[in-house]
Amino acid sequence: MRPFLIAASLLALALPLSACKRGDGQAPAPHAAPLAHVPAIAAVSQPADDNLNAVAWVQTSVEYRALSLQTYRAAADHLKAALKEPNWDALVPDERGNAATGLKPAVVMDVDETVLDNSPYQARLIRDGREYDEVSWDQWVAEKKARPLPGVVDFAKAANQMGVTVLYVSNRAVHLKEATLANLRQAGLPVADDSVFLGLGTVVEGCEQHGSEKNCRRRLAGQQYRVLMQFGDQIGDFVQVQVNTREGRDALYEEYADWFGERWWMLPNPTYGSWEPALFDNEWRQPREARREAKRNALDYAP
């Protein structure tokens, strides 16, 4: 999922002589060593690009391909059981405004980094020393060159053969609908008709859109379908994130942990996501170095 307006870069590259791991928000966590105690980071005069290791891993590692493949294979193994269970529903109760009994079955899939791989776009940003912007993103989408993630085409085709509609609930803007559907079709994904794409800006009567949250569009999907599974690369692809902080996100994970691997299926995405701004108070207007500093202060160097 690419968040609207703010889907820039990202997972920190392991800097020379030091390994990086994600931690808490802008101020140093209680268990994190003060920055002064980490001279290897402070001494780097030319910091590595935040996204280099992440994009290289996505594009070159067998581990990334294996994770994607095993996720979709495991989901396929669960799909028949979900289809047979009349009370099976992958929408949280707050987003199920009507009874699901008797509705047609569907799966809800995010597009970016869940179905389509946009790592070439990320690679171009690294090459050009740039961050995400809407103009370059729209140009990339218009190329229709994103490739499918490993395993997703086989899963989606199997679902389609079982009579399960594939819905694409995406934070791609509505004006990118035609290019997105064309890319999905070229990649071999089933697209029943144009209505299966619910992009950012989709009007849902009686539901107020908050930023790029997908709760209204999931509610719309639930009005017509019994949602058997959801697929995404961020927690907001499954449930509304009321407060995008480390604590708020952790609470959602704890509440719905049992749903992962049965109703919800998470794909790996180290290149961008709403986890990143949670580390610097969701304030993208800060200079890049200030954002990097907040992420450094979030690192856990062990107690």
C-alpha atoms as a PDB file:
ATOM      1  CA  MET A   1       0.000   0.000   0.000  1.00  0.00           C
ATOM      2  CA  ARG A   2       1.302   3.414  -0.898  1.00  0.00           C
ATOM      3  CA  PRO A   3       0.029   6.050   1.591  1.00  0.00           C
ATOM      4  CA  PHE A   4      -1.396   9.190  -0.068  1.00  0.00           C
ATOM      5  CA  LEU A   5       1.104  12.066  -0.423  1.00  0.00           C
ATOM      6  CA  ILE A   6       3.589  10.733   2.107  1.00  0.00           C
ATOM      7  CA  ALA A   7       4.786   7.387   0.829  1.00  0.00           C
ATOM      8  CA  ALA A   8       8.465   8.202   0.661  1.00  0.00           C
ATOM      9  CA  SER A   9      11.425   6.102   1.698  1.00  0.00           C
ATOM     10  CA  LEU A  10      12.478   4.168   4.530  1.00  0.00           C
ATOM     11  CA  LEU A  11      14.091   1.134   5.964  1.00  0.00           C
ATOM     12  CA  ALA A  12      17.515   2.240   7.256  1.00  0.00           C
ATOM     13  CA  LEU A  13      20.496   0.782   5.445  1.00  0.00           C
ATOM     14  CA  ALA A  14      22.886  -0.955   7.785  1.00  0.00           C
ATOM     15  CA  LEU A  15      25.544   1.729   8.130  1.00  0.00           C
ATOM     16  CA  PRO A  16      29.246   0.850   8.174  1.00  0.00           C
ATOM     17  CA  LEU A  17      30.290  -0.908  11.376  1.00  0.00           C
ATOM     18  CA  SER A  18      26.774  -0.863  12.846  1.00  0.00           C
ATOM     19  CA  ALA A  19      23.560  -2.822  12.388  1.00  0.00           C
ATOM     20  CA  CYS A  20      20.195  -1.045  12.569  1.00  0.00           C
ATOM     21  CA  LYS A  21      16.895  -2.254  14.012  1.00  0.00           C
ATOM     22  CA  ARG A  22      13.605  -0.386  14.302  1.00  0.00           C
ATOM     23  CA  GLY A  23      12.490   0.863  17.696  1.00  0.00           C
ATOM     24  CA  ASP A  24      10.153   3.521  19.134  1.00  0.00           C
ATOM     25  CA  GLY A  25       9.271   7.119  18.225  1.00  0.00           C
ATOM     26  CA  GLN A  26      11.112  10.420  18.025  1.00  0.00           C
ATOM     27  CA  ALA A  27      12.653  10.568  21.490  1.00  0.00           C
ATOM     28  CA  PRO A  28      15.133   7.874  22.604  1.00  0.00           C
ATOM     29  CA  ALA A  29      13.335   4.855  24.016  1.00  0.00           C
ATOM     30  CA  PRO A  30      14.112   3.971  27.656  1.00  0.00           C
ATOM     31  CA  HIS A  31      16.009   0.903  26.524  1.00  0.00           C
ATOM     32  CA  ALA A  32      17.932   2.668  23.752  1.00  0.00           C
ATOM     33  CA  ALA A  33      21.483   3.875  24.224  1.00  0.00           C
ATOM     34  CA  PRO A  34      22.004   7.642  23.794  1.00  0.00           C
ATOM     35  CA  LEU A  35      23.337   8.562  20.386  1.00  0.00           C
ATOM     36  CA  ALA A  36      26.597   9.741  21.929  1.00  0.00           C
ATOM     37  CA  HIS A  37      27.323   6.129  22.860  1.00  0.00           C
ATOM     38  CA  VAL A  38      27.283   5.086  19.200  1.00  0.00           C
ATOM     39  CA  PRO A  39      30.286   6.792  17.601  1.00  0.00           C
ATOM     40  CA  ALA A  40      30.130   4.606  14.479  1.00  0.00           C
ATOM     41  CA  ILE A  41      26.860   6.262  13.409  1.00  0.00           C
ATOM     42  CA  ALA A  42      27.833   9.765  14.485  1.00  0.00           C
ATOM     43  CA  ALA A  43      31.087   9.566  12.544  1.00  0.00           C
ATOM     44  CA  VAL A  44      29.502   8.813   9.182  1.00  0.00           C
ATOM     45  CA  SER A  45      29.893  11.949   7.075  1.00  0.00           C
ATOM     46  CA  GLN A  46      28.070  10.553   4.026  1.00  0.00           C
ATOM     47  CA  PRO A  47      25.107   8.552   5.356  1.00  0.00           C
ATOM     48  CA  ALA A  48      23.859   5.741   3.186  1.00  0.00           C
ATOM     49  CA  ASP A  49      20.491   6.132   1.526  1.00  0.00           C
ATOM     50  CA  ASP A  50      17.752   4.892   3.851  1.00  0.00           C
ATOM     51  CA  ASN A  51      16.152   2.778   1.165  1.00  0.00           C
ATOM     52  CA  LEU A  52      19.119   1.158  -0.574  1.00  0.00           C
ATOM     53  CA  ASN A  53      19.314  -2.083   1.392  1.00  0.00           C
ATOM     54  CA  ALA A  54      15.538  -2.412   1.466  1.00  0.00           C
ATOM     55  CA  VAL A  55      15.092  -2.094  -2.294  1.00  0.00           C
ATOM     56  CA  ALA A  56      18.107  -4.289  -3.020  1.00  0.00           C
ATOM     57  CA  TRP A  57      16.633  -6.979  -0.756  1.00  0.00           C
ATOM     58  CA  VAL A  58      13.236  -6.827  -2.459  1.00  0.00           C
ATOM     59  CA  GLN A  59      14.737  -7.003  -5.938  1.00  0.00           C
ATOM     60  CA  THR A  60      17.509  -9.557  -5.458  1.00  0.00           C
ATOM     61  CA  SER A  61      16.934 -11.813  -2.460  1.00  0.00           C
ATOM     62  CA  VAL A  62      15.432 -15.277  -2.687  1.00  0.00           C
ATOM     63  CA  GLU A  63      14.208 -14.686   0.862  1.00  0.00           C
ATOM     64  CA  TYR A  64      11.785 -11.979  -0.282  1.00  0.00           C
ATOM     65  CA  ARG A  65      10.455 -14.148  -3.101  1.00  0.00           C
ATOM     66  CA  ALA A  66      10.089 -17.117  -0.754  1.00  0.00           C
ATOM     67  CA  LEU A  67       8.139 -15.073   1.815  1.00  0.00           C
ATOM     68  CA  SER A  68       5.702 -13.867  -0.817  1.00  0.00           C
ATOM     69  CA  LEU A  69       5.287 -17.313  -2.355  1.00  0.00           C
ATOM     70  CA  GLN A  70       4.720 -19.081   0.941  1.00  0.00           C
ATOM     71  CA  THR A  71       2.188 -16.435   2.038  1.00  0.00           C
ATOM     72  CA  TYR A  72       0.020 -16.922  -1.030  1.00  0.00           C
ATOM     73  CA  ARG A  73       0.377 -20.697  -0.979  1.00  0.00           C
ATOM     74  CA  ALA A  74      -0.667 -20.814   2.676  1.00  0.00           C
ATOM     75  CA  ALA A  75      -3.607 -18.515   1.973  1.00  0.00           C
ATOM     76  CA  ALA A  76      -4.750 -20.775  -0.863  1.00  0.00           C
ATOM     77  CA  ASP A  77      -4.693 -23.742   1.506  1.00  0.00           C
ATOM     78  CA  HIS A  78      -7.046 -21.873   3.888  1.00  0.00           C
ATOM     79  CA  LEU A  79      -9.409 -20.499   1.258  1.00  0.00           C
ATOM     80  CA  LYS A  80     -11.596 -23.600   0.822  1.00  0.00           C
ATOM     81  CA  ALA A  81     -12.166 -23.847   4.571  1.00  0.00           C
ATOM     82  CA  ALA A  82     -13.056 -20.156   4.752  1.00  0.00           C
ATOM     83  CA  LEU A  83     -15.481 -20.532   1.868  1.00  0.00           C
ATOM     84  CA  LYS A  84     -17.291 -23.426   3.562  1.00  0.00           C
ATOM     85  CA  GLU A  85     -17.636 -21.651   6.910  1.00  0.00           C
ATOM     86  CA  PRO A  86     -20.784 -19.455   6.701  1.00  0.00           C
ATOM     87  CA  ASN A  87     -19.753 -17.216   9.607  1.00  0.00           C
ATOM     88  CA  TRP A  88     -16.216 -16.607   8.343  1.00  0.00           C
ATOM     89  CA  ASP A  89     -15.591 -12.868   7.850  1.00  0.00           C
ATOM     90  CA  ALA A  90     -12.312 -10.971   7.554  1.00  0.00           C
ATOM     91  CA  LEU A  91     -13.795  -7.537   8.289  1.00  0.00           C
ATOM     92  CA  VAL A  92     -13.589  -6.261  11.866  1.00  0.00           C
ATOM     93  CA  PRO A  93     -17.037  -5.880  13.481  1.00  0.00           C
ATOM     94  CA  ASP A  94     -16.892  -2.068  13.359  1.00  0.00           C
ATOM     95  CA  GLU A  95     -16.548  -2.207   9.583  1.00  0.00           C
ATOM     96  CA  ARG A  96     -19.278  -4.785   9.011  1.00  0.00           C
ATOM     97  CA  GLY A  97     -22.387  -2.627   8.865  1.00  0.00           C
ATOM     98  CA  ASN A  98     -24.654  -5.401   7.579  1.00  0.00           C
ATOM     99  CA  ALA A  99     -25.004  -9.153   7.866  1.00  0.00           C
ATOM    100  CA  ALA A 100     -22.623 -11.099   5.643  1.00  0.00           C
ATOM    101  CA  THR A 101     -24.914 -14.142   5.402  1.00  0.00           C
ATOM    102  CA  GLY A 102     -25.899 -14.912   1.841  1.00  0.00           C
ATOM    103  CA  LEU A 103     -23.494 -12.434   0.245  1.00  0.00           C
ATOM    104  CA  LYS A 104     -21.119 -13.401  -2.544  1.00  0.00           C
ATOM    105  CA  PRO A 105     -17.603 -14.300  -1.323  1.00  0.00           C
ATOM    106  CA  ALA A 106     -14.619 -12.039  -2.011  1.00  0.00           C
ATOM    107  CA  VAL A 107     -11.045 -11.382  -0.977  1.00  0.00           C
ATOM    108  CA  VAL A 108      -9.774  -7.840  -0.469  1.00  0.00           C
ATOM    109  CA  MET A 109      -6.280  -7.146  -1.761  1.00  0.00           C
ATOM    110  CA  ASP A 110      -4.151  -4.047  -1.488  1.00  0.00           C
ATOM    111  CA  VAL A 111      -2.292  -3.345  -4.749  1.00  0.00           C
ATOM    112  CA  ASP A 112       1.133  -1.831  -4.141  1.00  0.00           C
ATOM    113  CA  GLU A 113       3.697  -4.209  -2.643  1.00  0.00           C
ATOM    114  CA  THR A 114       0.893  -6.728  -2.058  1.00  0.00           C
ATOM    115  CA  VAL A 115      -0.097  -7.575  -5.631  1.00  0.00           C
ATOM    116  CA  LEU A 116       2.195  -5.382  -7.748  1.00  0.00           C
ATOM    117  CA  ASP A 117       5.912  -4.825  -7.176  1.00  0.00           C
ATOM    118  CA  ASN A 118       6.902  -1.158  -7.514  1.00  0.00           C
ATOM    119  CA  SER A 119      10.527  -1.595  -6.519  1.00  0.00           C
ATOM    120  CA  PRO A 120      11.756  -0.217  -9.899  1.00  0.00           C
ATOM    121  CA  TYR A 121      10.143   3.099  -8.946  1.00  0.00           C
ATOM    122  CA  GLN A 122      11.919   2.997  -5.576  1.00  0.00           C
ATOM    123  CA  ALA A 123      15.171   2.149  -7.352  1.00  0.00           C
ATOM    124  CA  ARG A 124      14.813   5.222  -9.560  1.00  0.00           C
ATOM    125  CA  LEU A 125      14.380   7.419  -6.490  1.00  0.00           C
ATOM    126  CA  ILE A 126      17.616   6.037  -5.081  1.00  0.00           C
ATOM    127  CA  ARG A 127      19.433   6.507  -8.381  1.00  0.00           C
ATOM    128  CA  ASP A 128      18.225  10.101  -8.714  1.00  0.00           C
ATOM    129  CA  GLY A 129      18.640  11.064  -5.060  1.00  0.00           C
ATOM    130  CA  ARG A 130      14.941  11.877  -4.731  1.00  0.00           C
ATOM    131  CA  GLU A 131      12.017  11.087  -2.471  1.00  0.00           C
ATOM    132  CA  TYR A 132       8.472  10.113  -3.385  1.00  0.00           C
ATOM    133  CA  ASP A 133       6.317  12.724  -5.107  1.00  0.00           C
ATOM    134  CA  GLU A 134       2.960  12.463  -6.837  1.00  0.00           C
ATOM    135  CA  VAL A 135       4.219  13.496 -10.285  1.00  0.00           C
ATOM    136  CA  SER A 136       6.900  10.825 -10.556  1.00  0.00           C
ATOM    137  CA  TRP A 137       4.561   8.252  -9.012  1.00  0.00           C
ATOM    138  CA  ASP A 138       1.814   8.977 -11.542  1.00  0.00           C
ATOM    139  CA  GLN A 139       4.359   8.673 -14.345  1.00  0.00           C
ATOM    140  CA  TRP A 140       5.451   5.278 -13.054  1.00  0.00           C
ATOM    141  CA  VAL A 141       1.870   4.010 -12.778  1.00  0.00           C
ATOM    142  CA  ALA A 142       1.174   5.216 -16.331  1.00  0.00           C
ATOM    143  CA  GLU A 143       3.979   2.961 -17.590  1.00  0.00           C
ATOM    144  CA  LYS A 144       2.013  -0.111 -16.398  1.00  0.00           C
ATOM    145  CA  LYS A 145       5.258  -1.995 -15.828  1.00  0.00           C
ATOM    146  CA  ALA A 146       4.835  -3.205 -12.253  1.00  0.00           C
ATOM    147  CA  ARG A 147       5.253  -6.982 -12.029  1.00  0.00           C
ATOM    148  CA  PRO A 148       3.163  -9.306  -9.824  1.00  0.00           C
ATOM    149  CA  LEU A 149       4.547 -10.571  -6.541  1.00  0.00           C
ATOM    150  CA  PRO A 150       5.530 -14.246  -6.448  1.00  0.00           C
ATOM    151  CA  GLY A 151       2.516 -16.478  -5.859  1.00  0.00           C
ATOM    152  CA  VAL A 152      -0.187 -13.832  -6.172  1.00  0.00           C
ATOM    153  CA  VAL A 153      -1.342 -14.701  -9.699  1.00  0.00           C
ATOM    154  CA  ASP A 154      -1.818 -18.382  -8.878  1.00  0.00           C
ATOM    155  CA  PHE A 155      -3.707 -17.507  -5.694  1.00  0.00           C
ATOM    156  CA  ALA A 156      -5.975 -14.951  -7.369  1.00  0.00           C
ATOM    157  CA  LYS A 157      -6.751 -17.301 -10.258  1.00  0.00           C
ATOM    158  CA  ALA A 158      -7.556 -20.124  -7.844  1.00  0.00           C
ATOM    159  CA  ALA A 159      -9.885 -17.824  -5.892  1.00  0.00           C
ATOM    160  CA  ASN A 160     -11.564 -16.721  -9.111  1.00  0.00           C
ATOM    161  CA  GLN A 161     -12.132 -20.344 -10.156  1.00  0.00           C
ATOM    162  CA  MET A 162     -13.860 -20.967  -6.804  1.00  0.00           C
ATOM    163  CA  GLY A 163     -16.261 -18.110  -7.463  1.00  0.00           C
ATOM    164  CA  VAL A 164     -14.488 -15.717  -5.116  1.00  0.00           C
ATOM    165  CA  THR A 165     -14.306 -12.138  -6.421  1.00  0.00           C
ATOM    166  CA  VAL A 166     -10.953 -10.369  -6.092  1.00  0.00           C
ATOM    167  CA  LEU A 167     -11.394  -6.772  -4.914  1.00  0.00           C
ATOM    168  CA  TYR A 168      -8.511  -4.297  -5.151  1.00  0.00           C
ATOM    169  CA  VAL A 169      -8.786  -1.749  -2.323  1.00  0.00           C
ATOM    170  CA  SER A 170      -5.909   0.583  -3.078  1.00  0.00           C
ATOM    171  CA  ASN A 171      -4.570   3.976  -2.069  1.00  0.00           C
ATOM    172  CA  ARG A 172      -3.807   4.673  -5.686  1.00  0.00           C
ATOM    173  CA  ALA A 173      -5.920   7.706  -6.583  1.00  0.00           C
ATOM    174  CA  VAL A 174      -9.065   7.235  -8.643  1.00  0.00           C
ATOM    175  CA  HIS A 175      -7.509   8.979 -11.652  1.00  0.00           C
ATOM    176  CA  LEU A 176      -5.000   6.100 -11.816  1.00  0.00           C
ATOM    177  CA  LYS A 177      -7.766   3.511 -12.112  1.00  0.00           C
ATOM    178  CA  GLU A 178      -7.463   2.755 -15.838  1.00  0.00           C
ATOM    179  CA  ALA A 179      -3.689   2.373 -15.775  1.00  0.00           C
ATOM    180  CA  THR A 180      -3.878   0.223 -12.644  1.00  0.00           C
ATOM    181  CA  LEU A 181      -6.503  -2.131 -14.042  1.00  0.00           C
ATOM    182  CA  ALA A 182      -4.533  -2.432 -17.287  1.00  0.00           C
ATOM    183  CA  ASN A 183      -1.383  -3.282 -15.313  1.00  0.00           C
ATOM    184  CA  LEU A 184      -3.276  -5.873 -13.245  1.00  0.00           C
ATOM    185  CA  ARG A 185      -4.658  -7.523 -16.368  1.00  0.00           C
ATOM    186  CA  GLN A 186      -1.247  -7.537 -18.076  1.00  0.00           C
ATOM    187  CA  ALA A 187       0.224  -9.167 -14.974  1.00  0.00           C
ATOM    188  CA  GLY A 188      -2.322 -11.980 -15.217  1.00  0.00           C
ATOM    189  CA  LEU A 189      -4.570 -10.961 -12.308  1.00  0.00           C
ATOM    190  CA  PRO A 190      -8.332 -11.536 -12.611  1.00  0.00           C
ATOM    191  CA  VAL A 191     -10.289  -8.285 -12.967  1.00  0.00           C
ATOM    192  CA  ALA A 192     -14.022  -8.960 -13.059  1.00  0.00           C
ATOM    193  CA  ASP A 193     -14.897  -5.390 -14.068  1.00  0.00           C
ATOM    194  CA  ASP A 194     -13.981  -1.807 -13.218  1.00  0.00           C
ATOM    195  CA  SER A 195     -16.026  -1.918  -9.992  1.00  0.00           C
ATOM    196  CA  VAL A 196     -13.477  -4.199  -8.293  1.00  0.00           C
ATOM    197  CA  PHE A 197     -11.035  -1.287  -7.999  1.00  0.00           C
ATOM    198  CA  LEU A 198     -11.736   0.875  -4.932  1.00  0.00           C
ATOM    199  CA  GLY A 199      -9.131   3.615  -5.083  1.00  0.00           C
ATOM    200  CA  LEU A 200      -8.445   6.602  -2.875  1.00  0.00           C
ATOM    201  CA  GLY A 201     -11.272   9.041  -3.477  1.00  0.00           C
ATOM    202  CA  THR A 202     -13.986   6.414  -3.864  1.00  0.00           C
ATOM    203  CA  VAL A 203     -17.176   7.966  -2.502  1.00  0.00           C
ATOM    204  CA  VAL A 204     -18.877   5.915   0.214  1.00  0.00           C
ATOM    205  CA  GLU A 205     -22.189   7.326   1.394  1.00  0.00           C
ATOM    206  CA  GLY A 206     -22.522   7.714   5.146  1.00  0.00           C
ATOM    207  CA  CYS A 207     -18.837   7.138   5.845  1.00  0.00           C
ATOM    208  CA  GLU A 208     -16.299   9.929   6.307  1.00  0.00           C
ATOM    209  CA  GLN A 209     -12.871   9.366   4.776  1.00  0.00           C
ATOM    210  CA  HIS A 210      -9.934  10.122   7.099  1.00  0.00           C
ATOM    211  CA  GLY A 211      -6.742  10.684   5.133  1.00  0.00           C
ATOM    212  CA  SER A 212      -5.778   7.503   3.327  1.00  0.00           C
ATOM    213  CA  GLU A 213      -7.524   5.146   5.747  1.00  0.00           C
ATOM    214  CA  LYS A 214      -9.412   2.359   3.960  1.00  0.00           C
ATOM    215  CA  ASN A 215     -12.186   1.694   6.483  1.00  0.00           C
ATOM    216  CA  CYS A 216     -14.917   3.314   4.347  1.00  0.00           C
ATOM    217  CA  ARG A 217     -13.950   1.300   1.288  1.00  0.00           C
ATOM    218  CA  ARG A 218     -13.792  -1.915   3.287  1.00  0.00           C
ATOM    219  CA  ARG A 219     -17.269  -1.117   4.593  1.00  0.00           C
ATOM    220  CA  LEU A 220     -18.419  -0.621   0.992  1.00  0.00           C
ATOM    221  CA  ALA A 221     -16.941  -3.997   0.041  1.00  0.00           C
ATOM    222  CA  GLY A 222     -18.775  -5.575   2.961  1.00  0.00           C
ATOM    223  CA  GLN A 223     -22.111  -4.245   1.757  1.00  0.00           C
ATOM    224  CA  GLN A 224     -21.867  -6.456  -1.311  1.00  0.00           C
ATOM    225  CA  TYR A 225     -19.576  -9.298  -0.299  1.00  0.00           C
ATOM    226  CA  ARG A 226     -18.651 -11.661   2.472  1.00  0.00           C
ATOM    227  CA  VAL A 227     -14.953 -10.901   2.784  1.00  0.00           C
ATOM    228  CA  LEU A 228     -13.079 -14.144   3.355  1.00  0.00           C
ATOM    229  CA  MET A 229      -9.556 -12.751   3.490  1.00  0.00           C
ATOM    230  CA  GLN A 230      -7.613  -9.510   3.357  1.00  0.00           C
ATOM    231  CA  PHE A 231      -4.099  -9.044   1.994  1.00  0.00           C
ATOM    232  CA  GLY A 232      -1.778  -6.108   2.559  1.00  0.00           C
ATOM    233  CA  ASP A 233       1.685  -4.884   3.442  1.00  0.00           C
ATOM    234  CA  GLN A 234       0.658  -2.499   6.255  1.00  0.00           C
ATOM    235  CA  ILE A 235      -1.622  -2.776   9.278  1.00  0.00           C
ATOM    236  CA  GLY A 236      -3.883  -0.087   7.800  1.00  0.00           C
ATOM    237  CA  ASP A 237      -4.748  -2.455   4.950  1.00  0.00           C
ATOM    238  CA  PHE A 238      -6.721  -4.546   7.452  1.00  0.00           C
ATOM    239  CA  VAL A 239      -8.102  -2.224  10.108  1.00  0.00           C
ATOM    240  CA  GLN A 240      -8.333   1.521  10.686  1.00  0.00           C
ATOM    241  CA  VAL A 241      -5.321   3.044  12.429  1.00  0.00           C
ATOM    242  CA  GLN A 242      -6.885   5.564  14.788  1.00  0.00           C
ATOM    243  CA  VAL A 243      -3.557   6.841  16.140  1.00  0.00           C
ATOM    244  CA  ASN A 244      -0.440   6.261  14.058  1.00  0.00           C
ATOM    245  CA  THR A 245       2.029   5.878  16.899  1.00  0.00           C
ATOM    246  CA  ARG A 246       4.139   2.923  17.932  1.00  0.00           C
ATOM    247  CA  GLU A 247       1.783   2.290  20.840  1.00  0.00           C
ATOM    248  CA  GLY A 248      -1.372   2.602  18.735  1.00  0.00           C
ATOM    249  CA  ARG A 249      -0.060   0.230  16.103  1.00  0.00           C
ATOM    250  CA  ASP A 250       1.144  -2.267  18.700  1.00  0.00           C
ATOM    251  CA  ALA A 251      -2.320  -2.283  20.274  1.00  0.00           C
ATOM    252  CA  LEU A 252      -3.930  -3.198  16.940  1.00  0.00           C
ATOM    253  CA  TYR A 253      -1.430  -5.988  16.424  1.00  0.00           C
ATOM    254  CA  GLU A 254      -2.140  -7.417  19.876  1.00  0.00           C
ATOM    255  CA  GLU A 255      -5.908  -7.192  19.395  1.00  0.00           C
ATOM    256  CA  TYR A 256      -5.956  -8.969  16.030  1.00  0.00           C
ATOM    257  CA  ALA A 257      -2.862 -11.176  16.208  1.00  0.00           C
ATOM    258  CA  ASP A 258      -4.985 -14.332  15.922  1.00  0.00           C
ATOM    259  CA  TRP A 259      -6.358 -13.177  12.560  1.00  0.00           C
ATOM    260  CA  PHE A 260      -2.983 -13.223  10.808  1.00  0.00           C
ATOM    261  CA  GLY A 261      -2.365 -16.384   8.850  1.00  0.00           C
ATOM    262  CA  GLU A 262      -6.103 -17.163   8.685  1.00  0.00           C
ATOM    263  CA  ARG A 263      -8.197 -14.119   7.751  1.00  0.00           C
ATOM    264  CA  TRP A 264      -5.405 -11.580   7.282  1.00  0.00           C
ATOM    265  CA  TRP A 265      -2.233 -12.103   5.255  1.00  0.00           C
ATOM    266  CA  MET A 266       0.676  -9.677   5.556  1.00  0.00           C
ATOM    267  CA  LEU A 267       3.313  -9.250   2.841  1.00  0.00           C
ATOM    268  CA  PRO A 268       6.823  -7.953   3.638  1.00  0.00           C
ATOM    269  CA  ASN A 269       7.601  -4.346   2.644  1.00  0.00           C
ATOM    270  CA  PRO A 270      10.719  -2.730   4.118  1.00  0.00           C
ATOM    271  CA  THR A 271      10.811   0.088   1.551  1.00  0.00           C
ATOM    272  CA  TYR A 272       8.066   2.411   2.860  1.00  0.00           C
ATOM    273  CA  GLY A 273       4.959   2.464   4.994  1.00  0.00           C
ATOM    274  CA  SER A 274       3.010   4.144   7.761  1.00  0.00           C
ATOM    275  CA  TRP A 275       5.340   2.547  10.317  1.00  0.00           C
ATOM    276  CA  GLU A 276       7.981   5.114   9.332  1.00  0.00           C
ATOM    277  CA  PRO A 277       6.164   8.404  10.107  1.00  0.00           C
ATOM    278  CA  ALA A 278       5.040   6.849  13.391  1.00  0.00           C
ATOM    279  CA  LEU A 279       8.685   7.271  14.415  1.00  0.00           C
ATOM    280  CA  PHE A 280       8.722  11.045  13.849  1.00  0.00           C
ATOM    281  CA  ASP A 281       5.235  12.152  14.899  1.00  0.00           C
ATOM    282  CA  ASN A 282       3.859  11.797  11.357  1.00  0.00           C
ATOM    283  CA  GLU A 283       5.506  15.109  10.490  1.00  0.00           C
ATOM    284  CA  TRP A 284       6.811  14.831   6.933  1.00  0.00           C
ATOM    285  CA  ARG A 285       7.509  18.577   6.731  1.00  0.00           C
ATOM    286  CA  GLN A 286      10.596  18.078   8.866  1.00  0.00           C
ATOM    287  CA  PRO A 287      13.899  18.129   6.978  1.00  0.00           C
ATOM    288  CA  ARG A 288      15.115  14.716   5.960  1.00  0.00           C
ATOM    289  CA  GLU A 289      17.971  14.811   8.456  1.00  0.00           C
ATOM    290  CA  ALA A 290      15.548  15.523  11.306  1.00  0.00           C
ATOM    291  CA  ARG A 291      13.515  12.489  10.279  1.00  0.00           C
ATOM    292  CA  ARG A 292      16.676  10.399  10.121  1.00  0.00           C
ATOM    293  CA  GLU A 293      17.675  11.613  13.581  1.00  0.00           C
ATOM    294  CA  ALA A 294      14.307  10.541  14.992  1.00  0.00           C
ATOM    295  CA  LYS A 295      14.747   7.106  13.449  1.00  0.00           C
ATOM    296  CA  ARG A 296      18.272   6.808  14.869  1.00  0.00           C
ATOM    297  CA  ASN A 297      16.903   7.695  18.290  1.00  0.00           C
ATOM    298  CA  ALA A 298      14.361   4.897  17.915  1.00  0.00           C
ATOM    299  CA  LEU A 299      16.996   2.196  17.471  1.00  0.00           C
ATOM    300  CA  ASP A 300      17.364  -0.467  20.153  1.00  0.00           C
ATOM    301  CA  TYR A 301      20.983  -1.143  21.087  1.00  0.00           C
ATOM    302  CA  ALA A 302      19.991  -3.788  23.706  1.00  0.00           C
ATOM    303  CA  PRO A 303      19.755  -3.127  27.450  1.00  0.00           C
END
